[in-house]
Amino acid sequence: MKTFDHLTVIGLREWIALPELGVAGLRAKIDTGASTSSLHASEIEPFERNGEPWVRFNAHLGSVVQLRHRRCEAPLVAMKTIKSSNGLAQTRYVISTLLALGDRVWQVEFTLACRRAMRYRLLLGSKALIDGQLVVNPGKTYLQDKPLSPASLSTAPGVQ
């Protein structure tokens, strides 16, 4: 049997933080079948900052029972057409921001999408898992500790 000592094992669900967006304590669903990660967002508005494309949006962070949101801004990386699990194609804004999971912090691209009907506000796709050098044990959940608060993460070692 092969083992992978340099990879971190995570569960099917994990706590994450998005320090550049000021977001901590967000539950993520790990989806190895999705290539791109997705963040629940509404009121998405593209704009320009210093001649560069940016996007502002409400990131929805709470559960259906406890609603929370935060107004965020991020550089716009691209527009991407995504085919959802029901087969419908949708063009979405793509941002890139730091993601913290356990003791790891790395850059991840997220599409901004309405996930109102979904249980988890953030979906972590396979590209993020590869870049973070993670493997998934689908029989487990919340294997990693909750990441530090966004303020602590911005000064933590290893944060680019």
Protein backbone atom coordinates (compact mmCIF):
# COMPACT_ATOMS: atom_id res chain seq x y z
CA MET A 1 0.00 0.00 0.00
CA LYS A 2 1.24 3.48 -0.84
CA THR A 3 1.30 6.18 1.82
CA PHE A 4 1.65 9.89 1.28
CA ASP A 5 3.52 11.48 4.18
CA HIS A 6 3.54 14.98 2.67
CA LEU A 7 -0.26 15.11 2.29
CA THR A 8 -2.71 16.20 4.98
CA VAL A 9 -5.86 14.14 5.54
CA ILE A 10 -9.11 16.06 5.81
CA GLY A 11 -12.70 14.96 6.30
CA LEU A 12 -15.74 15.40 4.09
CA ARG A 13 -16.53 18.63 5.96
CA GLU A 14 -14.00 21.04 7.49
CA TRP A 15 -13.82 24.47 9.13
CA ILE A 16 -12.06 27.08 7.00
CA ALA A 17 -11.21 30.78 7.02
CA LEU A 18 -10.76 33.30 4.21
CA PRO A 19 -8.37 35.78 5.89
CA GLU A 20 -8.18 38.31 3.02
CA LEU A 21 -11.98 38.58 3.11
CA GLY A 22 -12.10 38.76 6.92
CA VAL A 23 -14.04 35.51 7.19
CA ALA A 24 -13.49 32.80 9.83
CA GLY A 25 -15.54 29.89 11.17
CA LEU A 26 -17.03 28.86 7.85
CA ARG A 27 -18.04 25.24 7.32
CA ALA A 28 -16.92 23.83 3.97
CA LYS A 29 -18.14 20.77 2.10
CA ILE A 30 -15.34 18.93 0.31
CA ASP A 31 -16.35 17.92 -3.22
CA THR A 32 -13.74 15.92 -5.15
CA GLY A 33 -16.16 15.76 -8.09
CA ALA A 34 -16.10 19.54 -8.52
CA SER A 35 -13.04 21.01 -10.17
CA THR A 36 -13.53 24.59 -8.96
CA SER A 37 -14.37 25.78 -5.46
CA SER A 38 -17.48 27.87 -4.93
CA LEU A 39 -18.54 30.52 -2.40
CA HIS A 40 -22.14 31.55 -1.72
CA ALA A 41 -22.45 35.19 -2.78
CA SER A 42 -25.16 37.68 -3.67
CA GLU A 43 -25.36 41.32 -4.79
CA ILE A 44 -22.31 40.78 -7.00
CA GLU A 45 -21.10 44.01 -8.59
CA PRO A 46 -18.10 44.29 -10.92
CA PHE A 47 -16.10 47.53 -10.72
CA GLU A 48 -12.64 48.90 -11.50
CA ARG A 49 -9.90 49.79 -9.03
CA ASN A 50 -6.73 51.42 -10.41
CA GLY A 51 -7.72 50.27 -13.90
CA GLU A 52 -8.03 46.61 -12.80
CA PRO A 53 -11.27 44.57 -12.68
CA TRP A 54 -12.61 43.89 -9.18
CA VAL A 55 -15.86 42.54 -7.79
CA ARG A 56 -17.76 43.34 -4.59
CA PHE A 57 -20.30 40.97 -3.13
CA ASN A 58 -22.06 39.75 -0.01
CA ALA A 59 -20.46 36.52 1.17
CA HIS A 60 -23.05 34.46 3.03
CA LEU A 61 -21.44 32.70 5.94
CA GLY A 62 -24.09 31.41 8.30
CA SER A 63 -26.44 28.49 8.14
CA VAL A 64 -30.08 28.59 7.11
CA VAL A 65 -30.93 28.95 10.82
CA GLN A 66 -28.29 31.58 11.68
CA LEU A 67 -27.87 33.95 8.74
CA ARG A 68 -24.66 36.00 8.53
CA HIS A 69 -23.09 37.86 5.65
CA ARG A 70 -20.11 40.10 5.03
CA ARG A 71 -19.58 42.68 2.29
CA CYS A 72 -16.34 41.75 0.49
CA GLU A 73 -14.18 43.01 -2.35
CA ALA A 74 -11.64 41.03 -4.36
CA PRO A 75 -9.76 41.25 -7.65
CA LEU A 76 -11.66 39.60 -10.49
CA VAL A 77 -9.58 36.75 -11.93
CA ALA A 78 -11.91 35.60 -14.72
CA MET A 79 -15.41 34.78 -15.82
CA LYS A 80 -16.02 31.03 -16.06
CA THR A 81 -18.86 28.92 -17.40
CA ILE A 82 -19.69 26.18 -14.90
CA LYS A 83 -21.98 23.23 -15.56
CA SER A 84 -23.81 22.41 -12.33
CA SER A 85 -24.76 18.94 -11.14
CA ASN A 86 -28.23 19.42 -12.67
CA GLY A 87 -26.64 20.03 -16.09
CA LEU A 88 -27.33 23.76 -16.38
CA ALA A 89 -24.49 26.03 -17.53
CA GLN A 90 -23.96 29.32 -15.71
CA THR A 91 -21.35 32.06 -16.17
CA ARG A 92 -19.77 33.04 -12.84
CA TYR A 93 -17.27 35.55 -11.52
CA VAL A 94 -14.00 34.01 -10.31
CA ILE A 95 -11.90 35.44 -7.47
CA SER A 96 -8.65 34.26 -5.90
CA THR A 97 -8.11 34.58 -2.15
CA LEU A 98 -6.22 32.93 0.68
CA LEU A 99 -7.87 29.91 2.28
CA ALA A 100 -6.90 28.57 5.70
CA LEU A 101 -7.69 24.98 6.62
CA GLY A 102 -6.08 23.52 9.74
CA ASP A 103 -2.51 24.81 9.82
CA ARG A 104 -2.30 25.33 6.03
CA VAL A 105 -2.85 28.59 4.15
CA TRP A 106 -2.82 28.84 0.34
CA GLN A 107 -4.33 30.72 -2.59
CA VAL A 108 -7.60 29.28 -3.96
CA GLU A 109 -9.87 30.33 -6.82
CA PHE A 110 -13.59 30.51 -6.04
CA THR A 111 -16.55 31.03 -8.30
CA LEU A 112 -19.20 33.28 -6.79
CA ALA A 113 -22.59 31.60 -6.94
CA CYS A 114 -25.96 31.50 -5.24
CA ARG A 115 -25.83 28.48 -2.95
CA ARG A 116 -28.94 29.52 -0.98
CA ALA A 117 -30.55 26.12 -1.41
CA MET A 118 -27.36 24.30 -0.41
CA ARG A 119 -26.52 23.24 3.14
CA TYR A 120 -22.90 24.45 2.91
CA ARG A 121 -22.02 28.01 1.89
CA LEU A 122 -18.61 26.97 0.59
CA LEU A 123 -17.67 24.06 -1.63
CA LEU A 124 -14.00 23.09 -1.81
CA GLY A 125 -13.19 21.54 -5.20
CA SER A 126 -10.40 19.26 -6.42
CA LYS A 127 -8.07 22.03 -7.67
CA ALA A 128 -7.93 23.49 -4.16
CA LEU A 129 -7.29 20.02 -2.70
CA ILE A 130 -4.39 19.43 -5.11
CA ASP A 131 -2.86 22.85 -4.46
CA GLY A 132 -3.21 22.37 -0.69
CA GLN A 133 -1.77 18.84 -0.92
CA LEU A 134 -4.82 17.34 0.78
CA VAL A 135 -6.42 13.92 0.67
CA VAL A 136 -9.98 13.24 1.78
CA ASN A 137 -11.22 10.53 4.10
CA PRO A 138 -14.94 10.62 3.19
CA GLY A 139 -15.87 8.64 6.31
CA LYS A 140 -14.66 11.42 8.63
CA THR A 141 -15.58 15.05 9.28
CA TYR A 142 -13.77 17.98 10.89
CA LEU A 143 -10.40 16.25 11.22
CA GLN A 144 -8.49 19.55 11.24
CA ASP A 145 -8.57 22.21 13.95
CA LYS A 146 -10.44 25.43 13.23
CA PRO A 147 -8.07 27.90 11.58
CA LEU A 148 -6.95 31.02 13.41
CA SER A 149 -8.93 34.25 13.17
CA PRO A 150 -8.41 36.28 9.97
CA ALA A 151 -6.36 38.94 11.82
CA SER A 152 -3.96 36.29 13.18
CA LEU A 153 -3.64 34.60 9.81
CA SER A 154 -2.53 37.72 7.98
CA THR A 155 0.63 37.77 10.10
CA ALA A 156 1.13 34.00 10.39
CA PRO A 157 4.26 32.38 8.90
CA GLY A 158 3.71 30.89 5.48
CA VAL A 159 1.03 33.38 4.44
CA GLN A 160 1.88 34.88 1.04
